[in-house]
Amino acid sequence: MTSQKSDLDIKYESYLNSSDKTKIINGKIYYKAVNICILTIGNEKCYEICLDKEMFGRGKIECIQDEWGNVLKLSPPAFCSFGGNIPEWYRHCGLFLIKCSEIKGTIGKFFTVIEQ
């Protein structure tokens, strides 16, 4: 039996090998999202954002800001269940849902933790 890589496995590998994982804006470090996609849950459209845990440190984080100034209130991290081995990206990232209706326009690709 062969092990086939998921889209997130491939995107996480690409993220790890990228040279632009962070950038500094106004003296703050912004971290590039591993992946961003739009999901429909019931009648609600949501951004699913996969973020490297490196950006969070050790404390509880409630809000992040993208490079365009959008402030995003994070949901609790999404829980995933796997039939076999836990993927590398899941051990090193958090998946969060943000309601599209809470954002004007679109969101950026880089994020920083903010205090609320």
PDB file of N, CA and C in Angstrom:
ATOM      1  N   MET A   1       0.853  -1.178   0.000  1.00  0.00           N
ATOM      2  CA  MET A   1       0.000   0.000   0.000  1.00  0.00           C
ATOM      3  C   MET A   1       0.900   1.244   0.000  1.00  0.00           C
ATOM      4  N   THR A   2       0.611   2.192  -0.880  1.00  0.00           N
ATOM      5  CA  THR A   2       1.410   3.413  -0.939  1.00  0.00           C
ATOM      6  C   THR A   2       0.725   4.517  -0.163  1.00  0.00           C
ATOM      7  N   SER A   3       1.543   5.389   0.381  1.00  0.00           N
ATOM      8  CA  SER A   3       1.019   6.520   1.138  1.00  0.00           C
ATOM      9  C   SER A   3       0.960   7.732   0.212  1.00  0.00           C
ATOM     10  N   GLN A   4      -0.236   8.220  -0.037  1.00  0.00           N
ATOM     11  CA  GLN A   4      -0.410   9.366  -0.914  1.00  0.00           C
ATOM     12  C   GLN A   4      -0.463  10.640  -0.084  1.00  0.00           C
ATOM     13  N   LYS A   5       0.254  11.657  -0.547  1.00  0.00           N
ATOM     14  CA  LYS A   5       0.282  12.926   0.177  1.00  0.00           C
ATOM     15  C   LYS A   5      -0.980  13.721  -0.106  1.00  0.00           C
ATOM     16  N   SER A   6      -1.495  14.349   0.932  1.00  0.00           N
ATOM     17  CA  SER A   6      -2.658  15.223   0.785  1.00  0.00           C
ATOM     18  C   SER A   6      -2.202  16.584   0.269  1.00  0.00           C
ATOM     19  N   ASP A   7      -3.155  17.408  -0.122  1.00  0.00           N
ATOM     20  CA  ASP A   7      -2.838  18.776  -0.545  1.00  0.00           C
ATOM     21  C   ASP A   7      -2.120  19.532   0.571  1.00  0.00           C
ATOM     22  N   LEU A   8      -2.572  19.376   1.813  1.00  0.00           N
ATOM     23  CA  LEU A   8      -1.928  20.080   2.923  1.00  0.00           C
ATOM     24  C   LEU A   8      -0.530  19.546   3.209  1.00  0.00           C
ATOM     25  N   ASP A   9      -0.293  18.254   3.000  1.00  0.00           N
ATOM     26  CA  ASP A   9       1.068  17.718   3.129  1.00  0.00           C
ATOM     27  C   ASP A   9       1.997  18.435   2.155  1.00  0.00           C
ATOM     28  N   ILE A  10       1.544  18.557   0.928  1.00  0.00           N
ATOM     29  CA  ILE A  10       2.346  19.189  -0.130  1.00  0.00           C
ATOM     30  C   ILE A  10       2.535  20.679   0.159  1.00  0.00           C
ATOM     31  N   LYS A  11       1.473  21.358   0.582  1.00  0.00           N
ATOM     32  CA  LYS A  11       1.571  22.796   0.881  1.00  0.00           C
ATOM     33  C   LYS A  11       2.474  23.050   2.092  1.00  0.00           C
ATOM     34  N   TYR A  12       2.436  22.155   3.083  1.00  0.00           N
ATOM     35  CA  TYR A  12       3.300  22.323   4.244  1.00  0.00           C
ATOM     36  C   TYR A  12       4.769  22.141   3.860  1.00  0.00           C
ATOM     37  N   GLU A  13       5.064  21.155   3.039  1.00  0.00           N
ATOM     38  CA  GLU A  13       6.435  20.954   2.556  1.00  0.00           C
ATOM     39  C   GLU A  13       6.908  22.180   1.783  1.00  0.00           C
ATOM     40  N   SER A  14       6.038  22.724   0.942  1.00  0.00           N
ATOM     41  CA  SER A  14       6.371  23.926   0.174  1.00  0.00           C
ATOM     42  C   SER A  14       6.618  25.105   1.113  1.00  0.00           C
ATOM     43  N   TYR A  15       5.776  25.232   2.128  1.00  0.00           N
ATOM     44  CA  TYR A  15       5.931  26.294   3.123  1.00  0.00           C
ATOM     45  C   TYR A  15       7.288  26.181   3.819  1.00  0.00           C
ATOM     46  N   LEU A  16       7.641  24.974   4.256  1.00  0.00           N
ATOM     47  CA  LEU A  16       8.913  24.769   4.948  1.00  0.00           C
ATOM     48  C   LEU A  16      10.114  25.149   4.082  1.00  0.00           C
ATOM     49  N   ASN A  17       9.988  24.945   2.783  1.00  0.00           N
ATOM     50  CA  ASN A  17      11.089  25.226   1.861  1.00  0.00           C
ATOM     51  C   ASN A  17      11.063  26.642   1.300  1.00  0.00           C
ATOM     52  N   SER A  18      10.058  27.431   1.657  1.00  0.00           N
ATOM     53  CA  SER A  18       9.956  28.791   1.119  1.00  0.00           C
ATOM     54  C   SER A  18      10.900  29.741   1.849  1.00  0.00           C
ATOM     55  N   SER A  19      11.328  30.742   1.135  1.00  0.00           N
ATOM     56  CA  SER A  19      12.245  31.726   1.731  1.00  0.00           C
ATOM     57  C   SER A  19      11.490  32.929   2.304  1.00  0.00           C
ATOM     58  N   ASP A  20      10.195  32.970   2.132  1.00  0.00           N
ATOM     59  CA  ASP A  20       9.402  34.124   2.590  1.00  0.00           C
ATOM     60  C   ASP A  20       8.367  33.746   3.645  1.00  0.00           C
ATOM     61  N   LYS A  21       8.771  32.975   4.660  1.00  0.00           N
ATOM     62  CA  LYS A  21       7.840  32.558   5.711  1.00  0.00           C
ATOM     63  C   LYS A  21       7.461  33.698   6.642  1.00  0.00           C
ATOM     64  N   THR A  22       8.311  34.706   6.720  1.00  0.00           N
ATOM     65  CA  THR A  22       8.006  35.860   7.572  1.00  0.00           C
ATOM     66  C   THR A  22       8.365  37.148   6.849  1.00  0.00           C
ATOM     67  N   LYS A  23       7.764  38.224   7.314  1.00  0.00           N
ATOM     68  CA  LYS A  23       8.178  39.559   6.886  1.00  0.00           C
ATOM     69  C   LYS A  23       7.901  40.520   8.033  1.00  0.00           C
ATOM     70  N   ILE A  24       8.632  41.616   8.034  1.00  0.00           N
ATOM     71  CA  ILE A  24       8.476  42.602   9.106  1.00  0.00           C
ATOM     72  C   ILE A  24       7.730  43.809   8.562  1.00  0.00           C
ATOM     73  N   ILE A  25       6.666  44.176   9.276  1.00  0.00           N
ATOM     74  CA  ILE A  25       5.855  45.335   8.914  1.00  0.00           C
ATOM     75  C   ILE A  25       5.749  46.201  10.167  1.00  0.00           C
ATOM     76  N   ASN A  26       6.158  47.444  10.068  1.00  0.00           N
ATOM     77  CA  ASN A  26       6.133  48.366  11.217  1.00  0.00           C
ATOM     78  C   ASN A  26       6.760  47.752  12.472  1.00  0.00           C
ATOM     79  N   GLY A  27       7.853  47.047  12.291  1.00  0.00           N
ATOM     80  CA  GLY A  27       8.586  46.483  13.413  1.00  0.00           C
ATOM     81  C   GLY A  27       8.024  45.195  13.997  1.00  0.00           C
ATOM     82  N   LYS A  28       6.943  44.657  13.426  1.00  0.00           N
ATOM     83  CA  LYS A  28       6.339  43.414  13.929  1.00  0.00           C
ATOM     84  C   LYS A  28       6.568  42.301  12.917  1.00  0.00           C
ATOM     85  N   ILE A  29       6.782  41.100  13.424  1.00  0.00           N
ATOM     86  CA  ILE A  29       6.949  39.939  12.553  1.00  0.00           C
ATOM     87  C   ILE A  29       5.573  39.397  12.159  1.00  0.00           C
ATOM     88  N   TYR A  30       5.384  39.241  10.861  1.00  0.00           N
ATOM     89  CA  TYR A  30       4.180  38.635  10.302  1.00  0.00           C
ATOM     90  C   TYR A  30       4.577  37.282   9.707  1.00  0.00           C
ATOM     91  N   TYR A  31       3.758  36.265   9.975  1.00  0.00           N
ATOM     92  CA  TYR A  31       4.029  34.907   9.522  1.00  0.00           C
ATOM     93  C   TYR A  31       3.100  34.543   8.371  1.00  0.00           C
ATOM     94  N   LYS A  32       3.669  33.952   7.353  1.00  0.00           N
ATOM     95  CA  LYS A  32       2.890  33.521   6.195  1.00  0.00           C
ATOM     96  C   LYS A  32       2.014  32.327   6.577  1.00  0.00           C
ATOM     97  N   ALA A  33       0.779  32.316   6.104  1.00  0.00           N
ATOM     98  CA  ALA A  33      -0.108  31.174   6.327  1.00  0.00           C
ATOM     99  C   ALA A  33       0.383  29.994   5.496  1.00  0.00           C
ATOM    100  N   VAL A  34       0.277  28.811   6.058  1.00  0.00           N
ATOM    101  CA  VAL A  34       0.621  27.600   5.316  1.00  0.00           C
ATOM    102  C   VAL A  34      -0.405  27.391   4.211  1.00  0.00           C
ATOM    103  N   ASN A  35      -1.670  27.664   4.526  1.00  0.00           N
ATOM    104  CA  ASN A  35      -2.739  27.505   3.548  1.00  0.00           C
ATOM    105  C   ASN A  35      -3.946  28.333   3.973  1.00  0.00           C
ATOM    106  N   ILE A  36      -4.652  28.851   2.988  1.00  0.00           N
ATOM    107  CA  ILE A  36      -5.918  29.548   3.216  1.00  0.00           C
ATOM    108  C   ILE A  36      -6.893  29.051   2.157  1.00  0.00           C
ATOM    109  N   CYS A  37      -8.056  28.631   2.597  1.00  0.00           N
ATOM    110  CA  CYS A  37      -9.094  28.251   1.632  1.00  0.00           C
ATOM    111  C   CYS A  37     -10.450  28.699   2.176  1.00  0.00           C
ATOM    112  N   ILE A  38     -11.454  28.675   1.326  1.00  0.00           N
ATOM    113  CA  ILE A  38     -12.811  29.049   1.736  1.00  0.00           C
ATOM    114  C   ILE A  38     -13.667  27.791   1.773  1.00  0.00           C
ATOM    115  N   LEU A  39     -14.345  27.605   2.890  1.00  0.00           N
ATOM    116  CA  LEU A  39     -15.258  26.479   3.090  1.00  0.00           C
ATOM    117  C   LEU A  39     -16.665  27.016   3.281  1.00  0.00           C
ATOM    118  N   THR A  40     -17.646  26.214   2.959  1.00  0.00           N
ATOM    119  CA  THR A  40     -19.028  26.545   3.280  1.00  0.00           C
ATOM    120  C   THR A  40     -19.494  25.551   4.337  1.00  0.00           C
ATOM    121  N   ILE A  41     -19.892  26.098   5.482  1.00  0.00           N
ATOM    122  CA  ILE A  41     -20.387  25.282   6.580  1.00  0.00           C
ATOM    123  C   ILE A  41     -21.822  25.724   6.832  1.00  0.00           C
ATOM    124  N   GLY A  42     -22.750  24.861   6.509  1.00  0.00           N
ATOM    125  CA  GLY A  42     -24.160  25.251   6.534  1.00  0.00           C
ATOM    126  C   GLY A  42     -24.363  26.321   5.473  1.00  0.00           C
ATOM    127  N   ASN A  43     -24.880  27.477   5.875  1.00  0.00           N
ATOM    128  CA  ASN A  43     -25.054  28.599   4.944  1.00  0.00           C
ATOM    129  C   ASN A  43     -23.950  29.636   5.093  1.00  0.00           C
ATOM    130  N   GLU A  44     -22.967  29.358   5.928  1.00  0.00           N
ATOM    131  CA  GLU A  44     -21.916  30.329   6.244  1.00  0.00           C
ATOM    132  C   GLU A  44     -20.624  29.990   5.505  1.00  0.00           C
ATOM    133  N   LYS A  45     -20.079  30.995   4.822  1.00  0.00           N
ATOM    134  CA  LYS A  45     -18.760  30.827   4.205  1.00  0.00           C
ATOM    135  C   LYS A  45     -17.702  31.227   5.228  1.00  0.00           C
ATOM    136  N   CYS A  46     -16.640  30.406   5.314  1.00  0.00           N
ATOM    137  CA  CYS A  46     -15.563  30.637   6.276  1.00  0.00           C
ATOM    138  C   CYS A  46     -14.209  30.493   5.593  1.00  0.00           C
ATOM    139  N   TYR A  47     -13.264  31.281   6.087  1.00  0.00           N
ATOM    140  CA  TYR A  47     -11.878  31.040   5.719  1.00  0.00           C
ATOM    141  C   TYR A  47     -11.353  29.953   6.646  1.00  0.00           C
ATOM    142  N   GLU A  48     -10.696  28.965   6.080  1.00  0.00           N
ATOM    143  CA  GLU A  48      -9.944  28.006   6.874  1.00  0.00           C
ATOM    144  C   GLU A  48      -8.489  28.416   6.726  1.00  0.00           C
ATOM    145  N   ILE A  49      -7.866  28.767   7.834  1.00  0.00           N
ATOM    146  CA  ILE A  49      -6.495  29.260   7.809  1.00  0.00           C
ATOM    147  C   ILE A  49      -5.609  28.273   8.565  1.00  0.00           C
ATOM    148  N   CYS A  50      -4.573  27.801   7.898  1.00  0.00           N
ATOM    149  CA  CYS A  50      -3.600  26.908   8.509  1.00  0.00           C
ATOM    150  C   CYS A  50      -2.357  27.736   8.827  1.00  0.00           C
ATOM    151  N   LEU A  51      -2.041  27.859  10.112  1.00  0.00           N
ATOM    152  CA  LEU A  51      -0.927  28.691  10.562  1.00  0.00           C
ATOM    153  C   LEU A  51       0.101  27.860  11.315  1.00  0.00           C
ATOM    154  N   ASP A  52       1.363  28.142  11.056  1.00  0.00           N
ATOM    155  CA  ASP A  52       2.454  27.471  11.755  1.00  0.00           C
ATOM    156  C   ASP A  52       2.393  27.855  13.232  1.00  0.00           C
ATOM    157  N   LYS A  53       2.509  26.894  14.119  1.00  0.00           N
ATOM    158  CA  LYS A  53       2.431  27.154  15.565  1.00  0.00           C
ATOM    159  C   LYS A  53       3.559  28.049  16.051  1.00  0.00           C
ATOM    160  N   GLU A  54       4.618  28.185  15.255  1.00  0.00           N
ATOM    161  CA  GLU A  54       5.743  29.043  15.632  1.00  0.00           C
ATOM    162  C   GLU A  54       5.288  30.465  15.941  1.00  0.00           C
ATOM    163  N   MET A  55       4.259  30.931  15.268  1.00  0.00           N
ATOM    164  CA  MET A  55       3.819  32.313  15.469  1.00  0.00           C
ATOM    165  C   MET A  55       3.098  32.528  16.797  1.00  0.00           C
ATOM    166  N   PHE A  56       2.693  31.476  17.459  1.00  0.00           N
ATOM    167  CA  PHE A  56       1.865  31.619  18.650  1.00  0.00           C
ATOM    168  C   PHE A  56       2.615  31.617  19.967  1.00  0.00           C
ATOM    169  N   GLY A  57       3.835  31.150  20.001  1.00  0.00           N
ATOM    170  CA  GLY A  57       4.533  31.058  21.274  1.00  0.00           C
ATOM    171  C   GLY A  57       3.825  30.058  22.168  1.00  0.00           C
ATOM    172  N   ARG A  58       3.669  30.381  23.436  1.00  0.00           N
ATOM    173  CA  ARG A  58       3.066  29.427  24.371  1.00  0.00           C
ATOM    174  C   ARG A  58       1.750  29.910  24.984  1.00  0.00           C
ATOM    175  N   GLY A  59       1.348  31.126  24.707  1.00  0.00           N
ATOM    176  CA  GLY A  59       0.136  31.648  25.325  1.00  0.00           C
ATOM    177  C   GLY A  59      -1.097  31.428  24.476  1.00  0.00           C
ATOM    178  N   LYS A  60      -2.251  31.644  25.095  1.00  0.00           N
ATOM    179  CA  LYS A  60      -3.524  31.557  24.380  1.00  0.00           C
ATOM    180  C   LYS A  60      -3.668  32.802  23.506  1.00  0.00           C
ATOM    181  N   ILE A  61      -4.034  32.603  22.265  1.00  0.00           N
ATOM    182  CA  ILE A  61      -4.164  33.689  21.298  1.00  0.00           C
ATOM    183  C   ILE A  61      -5.622  33.791  20.870  1.00  0.00           C
ATOM    184  N   GLU A  62      -6.168  34.994  20.934  1.00  0.00           N
ATOM    185  CA  GLU A  62      -7.551  35.189  20.529  1.00  0.00           C
ATOM    186  C   GLU A  62      -7.683  35.911  19.199  1.00  0.00           C
ATOM    187  N   CYS A  63      -6.746  36.810  18.892  1.00  0.00           N
ATOM    188  CA  CYS A  63      -6.855  37.609  17.667  1.00  0.00           C
ATOM    189  C   CYS A  63      -5.517  37.685  16.932  1.00  0.00           C
ATOM    190  N   ILE A  64      -5.633  37.730  15.625  1.00  0.00           N
ATOM    191  CA  ILE A  64      -4.480  37.961  14.771  1.00  0.00           C
ATOM    192  C   ILE A  64      -4.828  39.097  13.819  1.00  0.00           C
ATOM    193  N   GLN A  65      -3.812  39.639  13.190  1.00  0.00           N
ATOM    194  CA  GLN A  65      -4.023  40.714  12.217  1.00  0.00           C
ATOM    195  C   GLN A  65      -3.255  40.351  10.953  1.00  0.00           C
ATOM    196  N   ASP A  66      -3.872  40.597   9.798  1.00  0.00           N
ATOM    197  CA  ASP A  66      -3.157  40.349   8.555  1.00  0.00           C
ATOM    198  C   ASP A  66      -2.388  41.592   8.128  1.00  0.00           C
ATOM    199  N   GLU A  67      -1.604  41.465   7.080  1.00  0.00           N
ATOM    200  CA  GLU A  67      -0.764  42.579   6.647  1.00  0.00           C
ATOM    201  C   GLU A  67      -1.565  43.754   6.102  1.00  0.00           C
ATOM    202  N   TRP A  68      -2.862  43.570   5.866  1.00  0.00           N
ATOM    203  CA  TRP A  68      -3.715  44.664   5.378  1.00  0.00           C
ATOM    204  C   TRP A  68      -4.459  45.354   6.511  1.00  0.00           C
ATOM    205  N   GLY A  69      -4.272  44.894   7.744  1.00  0.00           N
ATOM    206  CA  GLY A  69      -4.913  45.531   8.885  1.00  0.00           C
ATOM    207  C   GLY A  69      -6.181  44.858   9.366  1.00  0.00           C
ATOM    208  N   ASN A  70      -6.654  43.816   8.689  1.00  0.00           N
ATOM    209  CA  ASN A  70      -7.839  43.094   9.155  1.00  0.00           C
ATOM    210  C   ASN A  70      -7.535  42.401  10.479  1.00  0.00           C
ATOM    211  N   VAL A  71      -8.390  42.592  11.473  1.00  0.00           N
ATOM    212  CA  VAL A  71      -8.266  41.906  12.749  1.00  0.00           C
ATOM    213  C   VAL A  71      -9.207  40.710  12.713  1.00  0.00           C
ATOM    214  N   LEU A  72      -8.655  39.534  12.998  1.00  0.00           N
ATOM    215  CA  LEU A  72      -9.424  38.295  12.901  1.00  0.00           C
ATOM    216  C   LEU A  72      -9.501  37.632  14.268  1.00  0.00           C
ATOM    217  N   LYS A  73     -10.720  37.372  14.724  1.00  0.00           N
ATOM    218  CA  LYS A  73     -10.916  36.653  15.989  1.00  0.00           C
ATOM    219  C   LYS A  73     -10.844  35.168  15.670  1.00  0.00           C
ATOM    220  N   LEU A  74      -9.920  34.478  16.328  1.00  0.00           N
ATOM    221  CA  LEU A  74      -9.719  33.061  16.048  1.00  0.00           C
ATOM    222  C   LEU A  74     -10.754  32.195  16.740  1.00  0.00           C
ATOM    223  N   SER A  75     -11.178  31.173  16.039  1.00  0.00           N
ATOM    224  CA  SER A  75     -11.983  30.121  16.642  1.00  0.00           C
ATOM    225  C   SER A  75     -11.030  29.236  17.437  1.00  0.00           C
ATOM    226  N   PRO A  76     -11.553  28.334  18.268  1.00  0.00           N
ATOM    227  CA  PRO A  76     -10.643  27.324  18.813  1.00  0.00           C
ATOM    228  C   PRO A  76     -10.064  26.535  17.639  1.00  0.00           C
ATOM    229  N   PRO A  77      -8.866  26.004  17.775  1.00  0.00           N
ATOM    230  CA  PRO A  77      -8.290  25.233  16.663  1.00  0.00           C
ATOM    231  C   PRO A  77      -9.207  24.085  16.276  1.00  0.00           C
ATOM    232  N   ALA A  78      -9.292  23.814  14.978  1.00  0.00           N
ATOM    233  CA  ALA A  78     -10.125  22.717  14.489  1.00  0.00           C
ATOM    234  C   ALA A  78      -9.476  21.389  14.855  1.00  0.00           C
ATOM    235  N   PHE A  79     -10.298  20.434  15.227  1.00  0.00           N
ATOM    236  CA  PHE A  79      -9.820  19.098  15.562  1.00  0.00           C
ATOM    237  C   PHE A  79     -10.006  18.218  14.344  1.00  0.00           C
ATOM    238  N   CYS A  80      -8.971  17.483  13.964  1.00  0.00           N
ATOM    239  CA  CYS A  80      -9.049  16.564  12.834  1.00  0.00           C
ATOM    240  C   CYS A  80      -8.757  15.154  13.328  1.00  0.00           C
ATOM    241  N   SER A  81      -9.371  14.176  12.689  1.00  0.00           N
ATOM    242  CA  SER A  81      -9.134  12.778  13.013  1.00  0.00           C
ATOM    243  C   SER A  81      -8.549  12.108  11.778  1.00  0.00           C
ATOM    244  N   PHE A  82      -7.522  11.284  11.981  1.00  0.00           N
ATOM    245  CA  PHE A  82      -6.855  10.631  10.864  1.00  0.00           C
ATOM    246  C   PHE A  82      -6.914   9.123  11.067  1.00  0.00           C
ATOM    247  N   GLY A  83      -7.098   8.404   9.976  1.00  0.00           N
ATOM    248  CA  GLY A  83      -7.192   6.951  10.031  1.00  0.00           C
ATOM    249  C   GLY A  83      -5.854   6.268  10.239  1.00  0.00           C
ATOM    250  N   GLY A  84      -4.780   6.987  10.067  1.00  0.00           N
ATOM    251  CA  GLY A  84      -3.448   6.393  10.221  1.00  0.00           C
ATOM    252  C   GLY A  84      -2.553   7.328  10.996  1.00  0.00           C
ATOM    253  N   ASN A  85      -1.358   7.522  10.476  1.00  0.00           N
ATOM    254  CA  ASN A  85      -0.400   8.412  11.123  1.00  0.00           C
ATOM    255  C   ASN A  85      -0.861   9.858  11.068  1.00  0.00           C
ATOM    256  N   ILE A  86      -0.550  10.605  12.112  1.00  0.00           N
ATOM    257  CA  ILE A  86      -0.880  12.027  12.151  1.00  0.00           C
ATOM    258  C   ILE A  86       0.102  12.759  11.237  1.00  0.00           C
ATOM    259  N   PRO A  87      -0.392  13.540  10.282  1.00  0.00           N
ATOM    260  CA  PRO A  87       0.505  14.231   9.349  1.00  0.00           C
ATOM    261  C   PRO A  87       1.399  15.257  10.042  1.00  0.00           C
ATOM    262  N   GLU A  88       2.556  15.465   9.463  1.00  0.00           N
ATOM    263  CA  GLU A  88       3.531  16.420   9.993  1.00  0.00           C
ATOM    264  C   GLU A  88       2.917  17.815  10.130  1.00  0.00           C
ATOM    265  N   TRP A  89       2.167  18.263   9.119  1.00  0.00           N
ATOM    266  CA  TRP A  89       1.596  19.608   9.157  1.00  0.00           C
ATOM    267  C   TRP A  89       0.651  19.761  10.346  1.00  0.00           C
ATOM    268  N   TYR A  90      -0.090  18.704  10.689  1.00  0.00           N
ATOM    269  CA  TYR A  90      -1.059  18.792  11.776  1.00  0.00           C
ATOM    270  C   TYR A  90      -0.367  18.917  13.132  1.00  0.00           C
ATOM    271  N   ARG A  91       0.806  18.294  13.264  1.00  0.00           N
ATOM    272  CA  ARG A  91       1.555  18.380  14.519  1.00  0.00           C
ATOM    273  C   ARG A  91       2.198  19.752  14.707  1.00  0.00           C
ATOM    274  N   HIS A  92       2.412  20.481  13.615  1.00  0.00           N
ATOM    275  CA  HIS A  92       3.138  21.746  13.686  1.00  0.00           C
ATOM    276  C   HIS A  92       2.303  22.970  13.316  1.00  0.00           C
ATOM    277  N   CYS A  93       1.030  22.774  13.084  1.00  0.00           N
ATOM    278  CA  CYS A  93       0.170  23.886  12.652  1.00  0.00           C
ATOM    279  C   CYS A  93      -1.145  23.879  13.425  1.00  0.00           C
ATOM    280  N   GLY A  94      -1.849  24.979  13.324  1.00  0.00           N
ATOM    281  CA  GLY A  94      -3.204  25.083  13.849  1.00  0.00           C
ATOM    282  C   GLY A  94      -4.136  25.437  12.702  1.00  0.00           C
ATOM    283  N   LEU A  95      -5.309  24.839  12.678  1.00  0.00           N
ATOM    284  CA  LEU A  95      -6.346  25.158  11.689  1.00  0.00           C
ATOM    285  C   LEU A  95      -7.423  25.972  12.384  1.00  0.00           C
ATOM    286  N   PHE A  96      -7.748  27.115  11.795  1.00  0.00           N
ATOM    287  CA  PHE A  96      -8.733  28.011  12.389  1.00  0.00           C
ATOM    288  C   PHE A  96      -9.773  28.400  11.351  1.00  0.00           C
ATOM    289  N   LEU A  97     -10.999  28.602  11.806  1.00  0.00           N
ATOM    290  CA  LEU A  97     -12.076  29.055  10.931  1.00  0.00           C
ATOM    291  C   LEU A  97     -12.426  30.499  11.268  1.00  0.00           C
ATOM    292  N   ILE A  98     -12.543  31.314  10.242  1.00  0.00           N
ATOM    293  CA  ILE A  98     -12.929  32.716  10.386  1.00  0.00           C
ATOM    294  C   ILE A  98     -14.126  32.943   9.463  1.00  0.00           C
ATOM    295  N   LYS A  99     -15.230  33.445  10.002  1.00  0.00           N
ATOM    296  CA  LYS A  99     -16.397  33.713   9.161  1.00  0.00           C
ATOM    297  C   LYS A  99     -16.065  34.802   8.139  1.00  0.00           C
ATOM    298  N   CYS A 100     -16.348  34.523   6.880  1.00  0.00           N
ATOM    299  CA  CYS A 100     -16.103  35.512   5.817  1.00  0.00           C
ATOM    300  C   CYS A 100     -16.885  36.793   6.064  1.00  0.00           C
ATOM    301  N   SER A 101     -18.053  36.681   6.701  1.00  0.00           N
ATOM    302  CA  SER A 101     -18.889  37.857   6.950  1.00  0.00           C
ATOM    303  C   SER A 101     -18.234  38.823   7.937  1.00  0.00           C
ATOM    304  N   GLU A 102     -17.238  38.359   8.691  1.00  0.00           N
ATOM    305  CA  GLU A 102     -16.551  39.220   9.650  1.00  0.00           C
ATOM    306  C   GLU A 102     -15.438  40.044   9.011  1.00  0.00           C
ATOM    307  N   ILE A 103     -15.171  39.806   7.736  1.00  0.00           N
ATOM    308  CA  ILE A 103     -14.067  40.469   7.038  1.00  0.00           C
ATOM    309  C   ILE A 103     -14.626  41.302   5.894  1.00  0.00           C
ATOM    310  N   LYS A 104     -14.119  42.518   5.780  1.00  0.00           N
ATOM    311  CA  LYS A 104     -14.479  43.351   4.630  1.00  0.00           C
ATOM    312  C   LYS A 104     -13.436  43.091   3.554  1.00  0.00           C
ATOM    313  N   GLY A 105     -13.878  42.629   2.399  1.00  0.00           N
ATOM    314  CA  GLY A 105     -12.935  42.299   1.334  1.00  0.00           C
ATOM    315  C   GLY A 105     -12.337  40.922   1.562  1.00  0.00           C
ATOM    316  N   THR A 106     -11.065  40.789   1.262  1.00  0.00           N
ATOM    317  CA  THR A 106     -10.383  39.516   1.442  1.00  0.00           C
ATOM    318  C   THR A 106      -9.297  39.668   2.506  1.00  0.00           C
ATOM    319  N   ILE A 107      -8.762  38.560   2.936  1.00  0.00           N
ATOM    320  CA  ILE A 107      -7.704  38.603   3.929  1.00  0.00           C
ATOM    321  C   ILE A 107      -6.348  38.455   3.252  1.00  0.00           C
ATOM    322  N   GLY A 108      -5.313  38.853   3.989  1.00  0.00           N
ATOM    323  CA  GLY A 108      -3.958  38.759   3.473  1.00  0.00           C
ATOM    324  C   GLY A 108      -3.398  37.355   3.610  1.00  0.00           C
ATOM    325  N   LYS A 109      -2.099  37.241   3.386  1.00  0.00           N
ATOM    326  CA  LYS A 109      -1.419  35.952   3.475  1.00  0.00           C
ATOM    327  C   LYS A 109      -0.464  35.884   4.659  1.00  0.00           C
ATOM    328  N   PHE A 110      -0.197  37.030   5.307  1.00  0.00           N
ATOM    329  CA  PHE A 110       0.722  37.093   6.439  1.00  0.00           C
ATOM    330  C   PHE A 110      -0.032  37.593   7.661  1.00  0.00           C
ATOM    331  N   PHE A 111       0.305  37.018   8.848  1.00  0.00           N
ATOM    332  CA  PHE A 111      -0.438  37.317  10.059  1.00  0.00           C
ATOM    333  C   PHE A 111       0.498  37.519  11.248  1.00  0.00           C
ATOM    334  N   THR A 112       0.042  38.344  12.190  1.00  0.00           N
ATOM    335  CA  THR A 112       0.756  38.531  13.441  1.00  0.00           C
ATOM    336  C   THR A 112      -0.255  38.452  14.579  1.00  0.00           C
ATOM    337  N   VAL A 113       0.212  38.066  15.743  1.00  0.00           N
ATOM    338  CA  VAL A 113      -0.638  38.009  16.937  1.00  0.00           C
ATOM    339  C   VAL A 113      -0.790  39.435  17.461  1.00  0.00           C
ATOM    340  N   ILE A 114      -2.004  39.765  17.862  1.00  0.00           N
ATOM    341  CA  ILE A 114      -2.231  41.091  18.465  1.00  0.00           C
ATOM    342  C   ILE A 114      -2.902  40.919  19.824  1.00  0.00           C
ATOM    343  N   GLU A 115      -2.712  41.910  20.644  1.00  0.00           N
ATOM    344  CA  GLU A 115      -3.352  41.916  21.953  1.00  0.00           C
ATOM    345  C   GLU A 115      -4.689  42.644  21.820  1.00  0.00           C
ATOM    346  N   GLN A 116      -5.736  42.101  22.406  1.00  0.00           N
ATOM    347  CA  GLN A 116      -7.054  42.733  22.357  1.00  0.00           C
ATOM    348  C   GLN A 116      -7.442  43.191  23.729  1.00  0.00           C
TER     349      GLN A 116
END
